[in-house]
Amino acid sequence: MENSFENPMPQQRMALSAVAQEERVAFYKKTYAHVAVGVLVFIFFEYLFLQSEAVVNFALSMTEGFKWLLMLGGFMFITNYAENMALKTPDKNKQYLAFGLYILAEAFIFIPMIYIALTYLPQGSEMIQQAGIVTLALFSGLTAVVFVTKKDFSFLKTGLTIGFFIALGLIVAGTLFGFNMGLWFSVGMCLLAGGSILYQTSNLVKKYTIDDYIPAALGLFASLMLLFWYVLRIFMSRD
């Protein structure tokens, strides 16, 4: 098992672009099934976190000033580590561990926003459900665009990279100087998240082999959660 990466089975490590349509369909089914399970596990982790007053208070305390930057930095470190682990190892156990670690980090960073919505906003539970439905609808629609048109959206990579760096700079500046990004920033981030979904989906065939459905699912899950974060912010800004 240890040397399976160095001496891969031809079928196991074959690029997705080189296999028959039936095998691609099987890969897509596995990938999107793992994304769906990831969403369910995220909900489960979020529920457990919200049951602990100590965890909630700690997460809320990390939203103040420089602590929020530390929290974002820790989140980025953990998620990047998980993504690299999933991509660089053929070991399924390590890939699942990386996926689970990523989901756990996402659930933790969502605690303050979910808690505020549930505790302080009228019909907060319904608002979260509506944001989730809108997010899944957008995700499904963007995914369908890629599969129906078969268009290559890899050209979005440069624009997405620049956009995310600009967004990160604005978030840091907003934290340091205490200004609110506002509704239009959330709208812009939704557009970036949508572009990321298009890019990740169209890149499935080029980037992965037929055995890489877990790393593929992790990438799509990351874009889905980014979209959900800013869709929920838009819903919350109405109250």
C-alpha atoms as a PDB file:
ATOM      1  CA  MET A   1       0.000   0.000   0.000  1.00  0.00           C
ATOM      2  CA  GLU A   2       2.829   2.389   0.843  1.00  0.00           C
ATOM      3  CA  ASN A   3       4.338   2.292  -2.652  1.00  0.00           C
ATOM      4  CA  SER A   4       1.054   2.541  -4.536  1.00  0.00           C
ATOM      5  CA  PHE A   5       1.900   6.154  -5.489  1.00  0.00           C
ATOM      6  CA  GLU A   6       5.271   5.221  -6.928  1.00  0.00           C
ATOM      7  CA  ASN A   7       3.898   2.204  -8.783  1.00  0.00           C
ATOM      8  CA  PRO A   8       0.295   3.078  -9.480  1.00  0.00           C
ATOM      9  CA  MET A   9      -2.117   0.730 -11.129  1.00  0.00           C
ATOM     10  CA  PRO A  10      -2.641   2.073 -14.662  1.00  0.00           C
ATOM     11  CA  GLN A  11      -6.412   2.186 -14.285  1.00  0.00           C
ATOM     12  CA  GLN A  12      -6.326   3.744 -10.816  1.00  0.00           C
ATOM     13  CA  ARG A  13      -4.039   6.646 -11.723  1.00  0.00           C
ATOM     14  CA  MET A  14      -5.319   7.217 -15.257  1.00  0.00           C
ATOM     15  CA  ALA A  15      -6.249  10.807 -16.044  1.00  0.00           C
ATOM     16  CA  LEU A  16      -9.977  11.419 -16.200  1.00  0.00           C
ATOM     17  CA  SER A  17      -9.664  12.845 -19.711  1.00  0.00           C
ATOM     18  CA  ALA A  18      -8.305   9.496 -20.926  1.00  0.00           C
ATOM     19  CA  VAL A  19     -11.077   7.199 -19.697  1.00  0.00           C
ATOM     20  CA  ALA A  20     -14.434   6.210 -21.108  1.00  0.00           C
ATOM     21  CA  GLN A  21     -17.570   8.272 -20.513  1.00  0.00           C
ATOM     22  CA  GLU A  22     -18.987   5.657 -18.127  1.00  0.00           C
ATOM     23  CA  GLU A  23     -15.953   5.949 -15.858  1.00  0.00           C
ATOM     24  CA  ARG A  24     -16.180   9.732 -15.895  1.00  0.00           C
ATOM     25  CA  VAL A  25     -19.829   9.532 -14.858  1.00  0.00           C
ATOM     26  CA  ALA A  26     -18.861   7.196 -11.997  1.00  0.00           C
ATOM     27  CA  PHE A  27     -16.187   9.705 -10.912  1.00  0.00           C
ATOM     28  CA  TYR A  28     -18.685  12.586 -10.977  1.00  0.00           C
ATOM     29  CA  LYS A  29     -21.181  10.592  -8.930  1.00  0.00           C
ATOM     30  CA  LYS A  30     -18.557   9.794  -6.293  1.00  0.00           C
ATOM     31  CA  THR A  31     -17.330  13.392  -6.214  1.00  0.00           C
ATOM     32  CA  TYR A  32     -20.746  14.998  -5.763  1.00  0.00           C
ATOM     33  CA  ALA A  33     -21.820  12.318  -3.296  1.00  0.00           C
ATOM     34  CA  HIS A  34     -18.804  13.259  -1.172  1.00  0.00           C
ATOM     35  CA  VAL A  35     -19.713  16.954  -1.454  1.00  0.00           C
ATOM     36  CA  ALA A  36     -23.229  16.118  -0.219  1.00  0.00           C
ATOM     37  CA  VAL A  37     -21.864  14.068   2.678  1.00  0.00           C
ATOM     38  CA  GLY A  38     -19.476  16.922   3.455  1.00  0.00           C
ATOM     39  CA  VAL A  39     -22.426  19.307   3.794  1.00  0.00           C
ATOM     40  CA  LEU A  40     -24.181  16.891   6.170  1.00  0.00           C
ATOM     41  CA  VAL A  41     -21.030  16.473   8.265  1.00  0.00           C
ATOM     42  CA  PHE A  42     -20.641  20.274   8.356  1.00  0.00           C
ATOM     43  CA  ILE A  43     -24.201  20.598   9.714  1.00  0.00           C
ATOM     44  CA  PHE A  44     -23.456  17.920  12.318  1.00  0.00           C
ATOM     45  CA  PHE A  45     -20.220  19.625  13.455  1.00  0.00           C
ATOM     46  CA  GLU A  46     -21.965  23.005  13.567  1.00  0.00           C
ATOM     47  CA  TYR A  47     -24.741  21.571  15.728  1.00  0.00           C
ATOM     48  CA  LEU A  48     -22.217  20.052  18.160  1.00  0.00           C
ATOM     49  CA  PHE A  49     -20.241  23.307  18.397  1.00  0.00           C
ATOM     50  CA  LEU A  50     -23.356  25.347  19.113  1.00  0.00           C
ATOM     51  CA  GLN A  51     -24.254  23.033  22.014  1.00  0.00           C
ATOM     52  CA  SER A  52     -21.056  24.037  23.830  1.00  0.00           C
ATOM     53  CA  GLU A  53     -21.204  27.442  25.503  1.00  0.00           C
ATOM     54  CA  ALA A  54     -17.433  27.412  25.969  1.00  0.00           C
ATOM     55  CA  VAL A  55     -16.785  26.808  22.256  1.00  0.00           C
ATOM     56  CA  VAL A  56     -19.306  29.471  21.230  1.00  0.00           C
ATOM     57  CA  ASN A  57     -17.860  32.057  23.627  1.00  0.00           C
ATOM     58  CA  PHE A  58     -14.339  31.317  22.428  1.00  0.00           C
ATOM     59  CA  ALA A  59     -15.363  31.635  18.768  1.00  0.00           C
ATOM     60  CA  LEU A  60     -17.188  34.912  19.477  1.00  0.00           C
ATOM     61  CA  SER A  61     -14.170  36.280  21.344  1.00  0.00           C
ATOM     62  CA  MET A  62     -12.025  35.625  18.262  1.00  0.00           C
ATOM     63  CA  THR A  63     -14.080  38.062  16.166  1.00  0.00           C
ATOM     64  CA  GLU A  64     -12.707  41.103  18.019  1.00  0.00           C
ATOM     65  CA  GLY A  65     -10.028  43.182  16.266  1.00  0.00           C
ATOM     66  CA  PHE A  66      -6.704  41.464  15.708  1.00  0.00           C
ATOM     67  CA  LYS A  67      -8.103  38.194  17.038  1.00  0.00           C
ATOM     68  CA  TRP A  68     -10.267  37.924  13.917  1.00  0.00           C
ATOM     69  CA  LEU A  69      -7.143  38.171  11.753  1.00  0.00           C
ATOM     70  CA  LEU A  70      -5.540  35.438  13.864  1.00  0.00           C
ATOM     71  CA  MET A  71      -8.634  33.304  13.413  1.00  0.00           C
ATOM     72  CA  LEU A  72      -8.629  33.880   9.655  1.00  0.00           C
ATOM     73  CA  GLY A  73      -4.911  33.113   9.507  1.00  0.00           C
ATOM     74  CA  GLY A  74      -5.403  29.883  11.437  1.00  0.00           C
ATOM     75  CA  PHE A  75      -8.332  28.932   9.226  1.00  0.00           C
ATOM     76  CA  MET A  76      -6.318  29.549   6.060  1.00  0.00           C
ATOM     77  CA  PHE A  77      -3.366  27.554   7.404  1.00  0.00           C
ATOM     78  CA  ILE A  78      -5.514  24.559   8.379  1.00  0.00           C
ATOM     79  CA  THR A  79      -7.539  24.544   5.164  1.00  0.00           C
ATOM     80  CA  ASN A  80      -4.456  24.909   2.945  1.00  0.00           C
ATOM     81  CA  TYR A  81      -2.780  22.087   4.875  1.00  0.00           C
ATOM     82  CA  ALA A  82      -5.861  19.896   4.399  1.00  0.00           C
ATOM     83  CA  GLU A  83      -6.071  20.660   0.676  1.00  0.00           C
ATOM     84  CA  ASN A  84      -2.389  19.871   0.154  1.00  0.00           C
ATOM     85  CA  MET A  85      -2.679  16.657   2.154  1.00  0.00           C
ATOM     86  CA  ALA A  86      -5.654  15.492   0.104  1.00  0.00           C
ATOM     87  CA  LEU A  87      -3.962  16.305  -3.216  1.00  0.00           C
ATOM     88  CA  LYS A  88      -0.507  14.911  -2.489  1.00  0.00           C
ATOM     89  CA  THR A  89      -1.322  11.527  -0.990  1.00  0.00           C
ATOM     90  CA  PRO A  90      -3.000   8.549  -2.695  1.00  0.00           C
ATOM     91  CA  ASP A  91      -3.869   7.141   0.733  1.00  0.00           C
ATOM     92  CA  LYS A  92      -7.667   7.254   1.032  1.00  0.00           C
ATOM     93  CA  ASN A  93      -7.535   7.331   4.858  1.00  0.00           C
ATOM     94  CA  LYS A  94      -5.357  10.456   4.778  1.00  0.00           C
ATOM     95  CA  GLN A  95      -7.595  12.024   2.140  1.00  0.00           C
ATOM     96  CA  TYR A  96     -10.656  11.445   4.303  1.00  0.00           C
ATOM     97  CA  LEU A  97      -8.758  12.837   7.304  1.00  0.00           C
ATOM     98  CA  ALA A  98      -7.910  15.957   5.290  1.00  0.00           C
ATOM     99  CA  PHE A  99     -11.520  16.349   4.156  1.00  0.00           C
ATOM    100  CA  GLY A 100     -12.762  15.948   7.723  1.00  0.00           C
ATOM    101  CA  LEU A 101     -10.229  18.493   8.995  1.00  0.00           C
ATOM    102  CA  TYR A 102     -11.369  20.965   6.341  1.00  0.00           C
ATOM    103  CA  ILE A 103     -15.028  20.502   7.262  1.00  0.00           C
ATOM    104  CA  LEU A 104     -14.208  20.933  10.962  1.00  0.00           C
ATOM    105  CA  ALA A 105     -12.380  24.211  10.265  1.00  0.00           C
ATOM    106  CA  GLU A 106     -15.305  25.476   8.176  1.00  0.00           C
ATOM    107  CA  ALA A 107     -17.782  24.585  10.919  1.00  0.00           C
ATOM    108  CA  PHE A 108     -15.720  26.431  13.519  1.00  0.00           C
ATOM    109  CA  ILE A 109     -15.315  29.652  11.561  1.00  0.00           C
ATOM    110  CA  PHE A 110     -19.077  29.697  10.859  1.00  0.00           C
ATOM    111  CA  ILE A 111     -19.927  29.593  14.590  1.00  0.00           C
ATOM    112  CA  PRO A 112     -20.145  33.379  15.202  1.00  0.00           C
ATOM    113  CA  MET A 113     -22.330  34.100  12.168  1.00  0.00           C
ATOM    114  CA  ILE A 114     -24.666  31.123  12.725  1.00  0.00           C
ATOM    115  CA  TYR A 115     -24.942  31.932  16.448  1.00  0.00           C
ATOM    116  CA  ILE A 116     -25.762  35.601  15.795  1.00  0.00           C
ATOM    117  CA  ALA A 117     -28.372  34.662  13.195  1.00  0.00           C
ATOM    118  CA  LEU A 118     -30.045  32.161  15.516  1.00  0.00           C
ATOM    119  CA  THR A 119     -29.860  34.296  18.660  1.00  0.00           C
ATOM    120  CA  TYR A 120     -30.322  37.914  17.647  1.00  0.00           C
ATOM    121  CA  LEU A 121     -32.136  38.011  14.309  1.00  0.00           C
ATOM    122  CA  PRO A 122     -35.868  37.432  13.881  1.00  0.00           C
ATOM    123  CA  GLN A 123     -36.561  34.162  12.083  1.00  0.00           C
ATOM    124  CA  GLY A 124     -32.840  33.426  12.083  1.00  0.00           C
ATOM    125  CA  SER A 125     -33.360  29.701  11.585  1.00  0.00           C
ATOM    126  CA  GLU A 126     -35.546  30.281   8.524  1.00  0.00           C
ATOM    127  CA  MET A 127     -32.983  32.781   7.212  1.00  0.00           C
ATOM    128  CA  ILE A 128     -30.201  30.180   7.421  1.00  0.00           C
ATOM    129  CA  GLN A 129     -32.389  27.628   5.653  1.00  0.00           C
ATOM    130  CA  GLN A 130     -33.259  30.107   2.893  1.00  0.00           C
ATOM    131  CA  ALA A 131     -29.591  31.029   2.437  1.00  0.00           C
ATOM    132  CA  GLY A 132     -28.743  27.338   2.229  1.00  0.00           C
ATOM    133  CA  ILE A 133     -31.409  26.717  -0.412  1.00  0.00           C
ATOM    134  CA  VAL A 134     -30.239  29.691  -2.490  1.00  0.00           C
ATOM    135  CA  THR A 135     -26.626  28.530  -2.200  1.00  0.00           C
ATOM    136  CA  LEU A 136     -27.437  24.978  -3.304  1.00  0.00           C
ATOM    137  CA  ALA A 137     -29.559  26.300  -6.174  1.00  0.00           C
ATOM    138  CA  LEU A 138     -26.733  28.552  -7.377  1.00  0.00           C
ATOM    139  CA  PHE A 139     -24.196  25.740  -6.980  1.00  0.00           C
ATOM    140  CA  SER A 140     -26.402  23.332  -8.950  1.00  0.00           C
ATOM    141  CA  GLY A 141     -27.061  25.909 -11.668  1.00  0.00           C
ATOM    142  CA  LEU A 142     -23.398  26.782 -12.130  1.00  0.00           C
ATOM    143  CA  THR A 143     -22.462  23.099 -12.184  1.00  0.00           C
ATOM    144  CA  ALA A 144     -25.130  22.454 -14.828  1.00  0.00           C
ATOM    145  CA  VAL A 145     -23.755  25.304 -16.959  1.00  0.00           C
ATOM    146  CA  VAL A 146     -20.358  23.592 -17.087  1.00  0.00           C
ATOM    147  CA  PHE A 147     -21.686  20.122 -17.856  1.00  0.00           C
ATOM    148  CA  VAL A 148     -24.276  21.273 -20.407  1.00  0.00           C
ATOM    149  CA  THR A 149     -22.092  23.744 -22.325  1.00  0.00           C
ATOM    150  CA  LYS A 150     -18.849  21.746 -21.839  1.00  0.00           C
ATOM    151  CA  LYS A 151     -17.070  25.115 -21.841  1.00  0.00           C
ATOM    152  CA  ASP A 152     -13.545  25.348 -20.445  1.00  0.00           C
ATOM    153  CA  PHE A 153     -13.512  27.876 -17.603  1.00  0.00           C
ATOM    154  CA  SER A 154      -9.827  27.450 -16.749  1.00  0.00           C
ATOM    155  CA  PHE A 155      -9.250  30.995 -18.059  1.00  0.00           C
ATOM    156  CA  LEU A 156     -10.858  32.229 -14.823  1.00  0.00           C
ATOM    157  CA  LYS A 157      -7.846  31.185 -12.735  1.00  0.00           C
ATOM    158  CA  THR A 158      -5.897  34.450 -13.042  1.00  0.00           C
ATOM    159  CA  GLY A 159      -8.926  36.630 -12.384  1.00  0.00           C
ATOM    160  CA  LEU A 160      -9.964  34.535  -9.394  1.00  0.00           C
ATOM    161  CA  THR A 161      -6.457  34.668  -7.915  1.00  0.00           C
ATOM    162  CA  ILE A 162      -6.291  38.460  -8.240  1.00  0.00           C
ATOM    163  CA  GLY A 163      -9.844  38.838  -6.936  1.00  0.00           C
ATOM    164  CA  PHE A 164      -9.224  36.740  -3.844  1.00  0.00           C
ATOM    165  CA  PHE A 165      -6.017  38.625  -3.030  1.00  0.00           C
ATOM    166  CA  ILE A 166      -7.860  41.940  -3.327  1.00  0.00           C
ATOM    167  CA  ALA A 167     -10.679  40.590  -1.145  1.00  0.00           C
ATOM    168  CA  LEU A 168      -8.201  39.380   1.470  1.00  0.00           C
ATOM    169  CA  GLY A 169      -6.551  42.807   1.496  1.00  0.00           C
ATOM    170  CA  LEU A 170      -9.918  44.509   1.983  1.00  0.00           C
ATOM    171  CA  ILE A 171     -10.813  42.139   4.828  1.00  0.00           C
ATOM    172  CA  VAL A 172      -7.506  42.847   6.572  1.00  0.00           C
ATOM    173  CA  ALA A 173      -7.909  46.595   6.040  1.00  0.00           C
ATOM    174  CA  GLY A 174     -11.482  46.497   7.309  1.00  0.00           C
ATOM    175  CA  THR A 175     -10.385  44.680  10.441  1.00  0.00           C
ATOM    176  CA  LEU A 176      -7.465  47.016  11.099  1.00  0.00           C
ATOM    177  CA  PHE A 177      -9.302  50.280  10.445  1.00  0.00           C
ATOM    178  CA  GLY A 178     -12.760  49.242  11.609  1.00  0.00           C
ATOM    179  CA  PHE A 179     -14.872  49.821   8.525  1.00  0.00           C
ATOM    180  CA  ASN A 180     -17.687  47.588   7.342  1.00  0.00           C
ATOM    181  CA  MET A 181     -17.348  46.064   3.881  1.00  0.00           C
ATOM    182  CA  GLY A 182     -21.082  46.324   3.300  1.00  0.00           C
ATOM    183  CA  LEU A 183     -23.550  44.614   1.010  1.00  0.00           C
ATOM    184  CA  TRP A 184     -21.693  45.129  -2.250  1.00  0.00           C
ATOM    185  CA  PHE A 185     -18.576  43.422  -0.929  1.00  0.00           C
ATOM    186  CA  SER A 186     -20.702  40.345  -0.133  1.00  0.00           C
ATOM    187  CA  VAL A 187     -22.217  40.491  -3.630  1.00  0.00           C
ATOM    188  CA  GLY A 188     -18.737  40.693  -5.139  1.00  0.00           C
ATOM    189  CA  MET A 189     -17.567  37.725  -3.057  1.00  0.00           C
ATOM    190  CA  CYS A 190     -20.605  35.736  -4.233  1.00  0.00           C
ATOM    191  CA  LEU A 191     -19.490  36.430  -7.808  1.00  0.00           C
ATOM    192  CA  LEU A 192     -15.969  35.269  -6.952  1.00  0.00           C
ATOM    193  CA  ALA A 193     -17.337  32.126  -5.291  1.00  0.00           C
ATOM    194  CA  GLY A 194     -19.501  31.479  -8.348  1.00  0.00           C
ATOM    195  CA  GLY A 195     -16.464  31.858 -10.597  1.00  0.00           C
ATOM    196  CA  SER A 196     -14.572  29.456  -8.370  1.00  0.00           C
ATOM    197  CA  ILE A 197     -17.356  26.869  -8.727  1.00  0.00           C
ATOM    198  CA  LEU A 198     -17.233  27.222 -12.525  1.00  0.00           C
ATOM    199  CA  TYR A 199     -13.443  26.887 -12.486  1.00  0.00           C
ATOM    200  CA  GLN A 200     -13.382  23.911 -10.101  1.00  0.00           C
ATOM    201  CA  THR A 201     -16.108  22.096 -12.029  1.00  0.00           C
ATOM    202  CA  SER A 202     -14.614  22.588 -15.482  1.00  0.00           C
ATOM    203  CA  ASN A 203     -11.197  21.623 -14.096  1.00  0.00           C
ATOM    204  CA  LEU A 204     -12.358  18.199 -12.886  1.00  0.00           C
ATOM    205  CA  VAL A 205     -11.366  16.418 -16.089  1.00  0.00           C
ATOM    206  CA  LYS A 206      -7.954  18.097 -16.398  1.00  0.00           C
ATOM    207  CA  LYS A 207      -6.738  18.134 -12.804  1.00  0.00           C
ATOM    208  CA  TYR A 208      -7.732  14.759 -11.383  1.00  0.00           C
ATOM    209  CA  THR A 209      -7.455  11.059 -12.064  1.00  0.00           C
ATOM    210  CA  ILE A 210     -10.403   8.717 -11.683  1.00  0.00           C
ATOM    211  CA  ASP A 211      -9.232   7.873  -8.161  1.00  0.00           C
ATOM    212  CA  ASP A 212      -9.098  11.505  -6.962  1.00  0.00           C
ATOM    213  CA  TYR A 213     -12.774  12.018  -6.137  1.00  0.00           C
ATOM    214  CA  ILE A 214     -12.021  13.026  -2.522  1.00  0.00           C
ATOM    215  CA  PRO A 215      -9.650  15.925  -3.394  1.00  0.00           C
ATOM    216  CA  ALA A 216     -12.089  16.956  -6.137  1.00  0.00           C
ATOM    217  CA  ALA A 217     -14.951  16.959  -3.636  1.00  0.00           C
ATOM    218  CA  LEU A 218     -12.891  19.009  -1.183  1.00  0.00           C
ATOM    219  CA  GLY A 219     -12.251  21.712  -3.785  1.00  0.00           C
ATOM    220  CA  LEU A 220     -15.927  21.931  -4.711  1.00  0.00           C
ATOM    221  CA  PHE A 221     -16.955  21.907  -1.046  1.00  0.00           C
ATOM    222  CA  ALA A 222     -14.600  24.831  -0.344  1.00  0.00           C
ATOM    223  CA  SER A 223     -16.196  26.921  -3.108  1.00  0.00           C
ATOM    224  CA  LEU A 224     -19.690  25.929  -1.954  1.00  0.00           C
ATOM    225  CA  MET A 225     -19.005  27.030   1.628  1.00  0.00           C
ATOM    226  CA  LEU A 226     -17.504  30.328   0.479  1.00  0.00           C
ATOM    227  CA  LEU A 227     -20.679  30.993  -1.497  1.00  0.00           C
ATOM    228  CA  PHE A 228     -22.858  30.058   1.479  1.00  0.00           C
ATOM    229  CA  TRP A 229     -20.892  32.402   3.785  1.00  0.00           C
ATOM    230  CA  TYR A 230     -21.586  35.465   1.646  1.00  0.00           C
ATOM    231  CA  VAL A 231     -25.137  34.513   0.667  1.00  0.00           C
ATOM    232  CA  LEU A 232     -25.906  34.247   4.374  1.00  0.00           C
ATOM    233  CA  ARG A 233     -24.257  37.619   4.993  1.00  0.00           C
ATOM    234  CA  ILE A 234     -26.510  39.152   2.351  1.00  0.00           C
ATOM    235  CA  PHE A 235     -29.591  37.641   4.012  1.00  0.00           C
ATOM    236  CA  MET A 236     -28.451  38.877   7.421  1.00  0.00           C
ATOM    237  CA  SER A 237     -27.844  42.410   6.115  1.00  0.00           C
ATOM    238  CA  ARG A 238     -31.550  42.781   5.443  1.00  0.00           C
ATOM    239  CA  ASP A 239     -32.309  42.872   9.192  1.00  0.00           C
END
